[in-house]
């Protein structure tokens, strides 16, 4: 595969990833509405449980990565108890 094709494929994958982020955010918000506004901490815990990385969670929930990481520390500490 030549470099041009590889670059095009990478760009297509980035676009697909962006669209999946949007779909994820919309689904999470629709779940929130159906369950009387799912708290942010629970949204983060769900996404973390699905294997979503903190940077991706931040983009989905509209918070900074440091905020998401802080929440994850609290969630994980609570889970250990």
Protein backbone atom coordinates (compact mmCIF):
# COMPACT_ATOMS: atom_id res chain seq x y z
CA UNK A 1 0.00 0.00 0.00
CA UNK A 2 1.43 3.37 -0.87
CA UNK A 3 1.65 6.36 1.44
CA UNK A 4 -1.23 8.21 -0.24
CA UNK A 5 -3.65 5.33 0.28
CA UNK A 6 -2.45 4.86 3.85
CA UNK A 7 -2.98 8.56 4.60
CA UNK A 8 -6.47 8.45 3.10
CA UNK A 9 -7.34 5.40 5.18
CA UNK A 10 -6.08 7.06 8.34
CA UNK A 11 -8.12 10.17 7.61
CA UNK A 12 -11.23 8.04 6.99
CA UNK A 13 -10.65 6.25 10.29
CA UNK A 14 -10.35 9.59 12.10
CA UNK A 15 -13.64 10.74 10.59
CA UNK A 16 -15.35 7.50 11.60
CA UNK A 17 -13.96 7.89 15.11
CA UNK A 18 -15.35 11.44 15.35
CA UNK A 19 -18.76 10.21 14.25
CA UNK A 20 -18.68 7.39 16.77
CA UNK A 21 -17.85 9.91 19.51
CA UNK A 22 -20.92 11.90 18.53
CA UNK A 23 -23.10 8.78 18.51
CA UNK A 24 -21.73 7.76 21.91
CA UNK A 25 -22.48 11.18 23.36
CA UNK A 26 -25.99 11.19 21.94
CA UNK A 27 -26.72 7.70 23.26
CA UNK A 28 -25.42 8.58 26.70
CA UNK A 29 -27.57 11.70 26.78
CA UNK A 30 -30.65 9.77 25.68
CA UNK A 31 -30.04 7.23 28.45
CA UNK A 32 -29.67 10.12 30.87
CA UNK A 33 -33.04 11.54 29.87
CA UNK A 34 -34.75 8.18 30.24
CA UNK A 35 -33.29 7.59 33.70
CA UNK A 36 -33.90 11.04 35.17
CA UNK A 37 -30.56 12.57 34.25
CA UNK A 38 -27.87 10.04 34.92
CA UNK A 39 -25.21 11.79 37.03
CA UNK A 40 -21.92 12.62 35.36
CA UNK A 41 -20.05 10.28 37.69
CA UNK A 42 -22.26 7.38 36.58
CA UNK A 43 -21.83 8.31 32.92
CA UNK A 44 -18.06 8.26 33.39
CA UNK A 45 -18.22 4.94 35.25
CA UNK A 46 -20.31 3.36 32.46
CA UNK A 47 -17.94 4.51 29.74
CA UNK A 48 -14.91 3.41 31.76
CA UNK A 49 -16.52 0.03 32.27
CA UNK A 50 -16.91 -0.25 28.51
CA UNK A 51 -13.18 0.28 28.08
CA UNK A 52 -13.33 3.86 26.83
CA UNK A 53 -10.14 5.81 27.55
CA UNK A 54 -10.29 8.91 29.78
CA UNK A 55 -9.45 11.25 26.90
CA UNK A 56 -12.33 9.78 24.90
CA UNK A 57 -14.69 9.95 27.88
CA UNK A 58 -13.82 13.62 28.28
CA UNK A 59 -14.76 14.32 24.67
CA UNK A 60 -18.04 12.41 25.03
CA UNK A 61 -19.22 14.02 28.27
CA UNK A 62 -17.85 17.47 27.46
CA UNK A 63 -15.40 17.76 30.34
CA UNK A 64 -11.63 18.01 30.54
CA UNK A 65 -9.49 14.92 30.69
CA UNK A 66 -8.20 15.96 34.11
CA UNK A 67 -11.77 16.23 35.42
CA UNK A 68 -12.60 12.76 34.09
CA UNK A 69 -9.38 11.32 35.55
CA UNK A 70 -10.21 12.82 38.95
CA UNK A 71 -13.69 11.29 38.83
CA UNK A 72 -12.23 7.92 37.85
CA UNK A 73 -9.90 7.97 40.86
CA UNK A 74 -12.92 8.51 43.13
CA UNK A 75 -14.93 5.82 41.36
CA UNK A 76 -12.13 3.30 41.63
CA UNK A 77 -11.49 4.10 45.29
CA UNK A 78 -15.19 3.61 46.03
CA UNK A 79 -15.18 0.30 44.19
CA UNK A 80 -12.31 -1.01 46.35
CA UNK A 81 -14.25 -0.41 49.57
